Amino acid sequence: PVRLVAIDGRLPDLDANTPVPLVPLISASWPDTFRWMGKADMPGEVELRLREIALKAKEQGRITRFWATPQNDYVWGKQLEADVTLLNTDDLGKLREYLLSR
């Protein structure tokens, strides 16, 4: 009745119908998912794919996280707009400043 362990899912798990309590989190590498690495404006197809992933996970009751993301306010903002649940960073101070400024 109490789950003490869960698995980080990957994008294919969104289509695999894996039980949510077993795979509550979809975690994906940004560079493996998107070619765009934060230079210039986010292309429309990248933004659409980002939103589709976050929405599909949310509809299934899962949370989302991308790792190895570009570390800047613009990319963090786009993830928040798309409803990505967790922001991943190696620069906690910079992310903290960004979140406090919103």
Protein backbone atom coordinates (compact mmCIF):
# COMPACT_ATOMS: atom_id res chain seq x y z
CA PRO A 1 0.00 0.00 0.00
CA VAL A 2 2.98 2.37 0.45
CA ARG A 3 5.43 2.70 -2.44
CA LEU A 4 8.95 3.51 -1.27
CA VAL A 5 10.62 3.32 -4.68
CA ALA A 6 9.71 4.66 -8.12
CA ILE A 7 11.42 4.77 -11.49
CA ASP A 8 12.40 7.81 -13.55
CA GLY A 9 10.57 7.26 -16.79
CA ARG A 10 11.70 8.30 -20.22
CA LEU A 11 9.69 9.77 -23.08
CA PRO A 12 8.67 6.35 -24.48
CA ASP A 13 6.96 5.66 -21.15
CA LEU A 14 4.36 8.28 -22.08
CA ASP A 15 3.10 5.83 -24.70
CA ALA A 16 3.74 2.61 -22.76
CA ASN A 17 0.87 2.98 -20.27
CA THR A 18 3.23 2.20 -17.39
CA PRO A 19 1.48 2.56 -14.00
CA VAL A 20 1.91 6.10 -12.66
CA PRO A 21 2.85 4.99 -9.12
CA LEU A 22 5.74 3.00 -10.62
CA VAL A 23 6.82 5.76 -13.05
CA PRO A 24 5.61 9.10 -11.67
CA LEU A 25 8.34 11.19 -13.33
CA ILE A 26 9.26 11.55 -16.98
CA SER A 27 12.89 12.64 -17.14
CA ALA A 28 14.58 13.36 -20.46
CA SER A 29 17.85 14.70 -21.77
CA TRP A 30 17.30 18.09 -23.41
CA PRO A 31 19.96 17.54 -26.13
CA ASP A 32 18.53 14.12 -26.96
CA THR A 33 15.03 15.60 -27.26
CA PHE A 34 15.72 18.94 -28.94
CA ARG A 35 18.46 20.14 -31.29
CA TRP A 36 17.89 23.75 -30.22
CA MET A 37 20.27 24.66 -27.39
CA GLY A 38 19.05 28.06 -26.26
CA LYS A 39 20.64 30.31 -28.85
CA ALA A 40 18.18 32.87 -30.28
CA ASP A 41 14.42 32.46 -29.96
CA MET A 42 12.93 29.02 -29.40
CA PRO A 43 11.65 27.66 -32.72
CA GLY A 44 7.92 27.04 -32.87
CA GLU A 45 8.30 23.30 -33.41
CA VAL A 46 10.49 23.00 -30.30
CA GLU A 47 8.00 24.95 -28.20
CA LEU A 48 5.13 22.82 -29.51
CA ARG A 49 6.96 19.56 -28.75
CA LEU A 50 7.88 20.81 -25.27
CA ARG A 51 4.23 21.67 -24.56
CA GLU A 52 3.02 18.34 -25.97
CA ILE A 53 5.37 16.36 -23.72
CA ALA A 54 4.44 18.31 -20.58
CA LEU A 55 0.71 18.13 -21.34
CA LYS A 56 0.76 14.40 -22.06
CA ALA A 57 2.62 13.72 -18.82
CA LYS A 58 0.25 15.96 -16.85
CA GLU A 59 -2.81 14.25 -18.35
CA GLN A 60 -1.37 10.94 -17.15
CA GLY A 61 -0.69 12.32 -13.66
CA ARG A 62 3.10 12.38 -14.14
CA ILE A 63 5.62 15.15 -13.55
CA THR A 64 8.29 16.23 -16.04
CA ARG A 65 11.94 17.19 -15.92
CA PHE A 66 14.54 17.84 -18.58
CA TRP A 67 18.22 17.58 -17.74
CA ALA A 68 21.24 19.07 -19.50
CA THR A 69 19.11 22.08 -20.43
CA PRO A 70 20.59 25.41 -21.48
CA GLN A 71 21.09 27.33 -18.23
CA ASN A 72 19.39 30.65 -18.85
CA ASP A 73 16.28 32.62 -17.94
CA TYR A 74 14.77 32.31 -21.40
CA VAL A 75 14.84 28.50 -21.47
CA TRP A 76 13.63 28.24 -17.87
CA GLY A 77 10.77 30.59 -18.73
CA LYS A 78 9.80 28.56 -21.77
CA GLN A 79 9.76 25.41 -19.65
CA LEU A 80 7.53 27.07 -17.06
CA GLU A 81 5.19 28.37 -19.79
CA ALA A 82 4.96 24.81 -21.17
CA ASP A 83 4.11 23.53 -17.68
CA VAL A 84 7.26 21.45 -17.19
CA THR A 85 7.01 20.48 -13.53
CA LEU A 86 10.66 20.48 -12.38
CA LEU A 87 13.45 22.77 -13.54
CA ASN A 88 16.85 21.12 -13.53
CA THR A 89 20.01 23.17 -13.07
CA ASP A 90 23.62 22.98 -12.02
CA ASP A 91 23.50 26.69 -11.09
CA LEU A 92 21.10 26.90 -8.16
CA GLY A 93 21.98 30.53 -7.41
CA LYS A 94 21.18 31.68 -10.93
CA LEU A 95 17.91 29.72 -11.01
CA ARG A 96 16.97 31.09 -7.59
CA GLU A 97 17.55 34.67 -8.77
CA TYR A 98 15.45 34.02 -11.85
CA LEU A 99 12.55 32.49 -9.93
CA LEU A 100 12.56 35.27 -7.34
CA SER A 101 12.48 37.90 -10.11
CA ARG A 102 9.32 36.42 -11.71
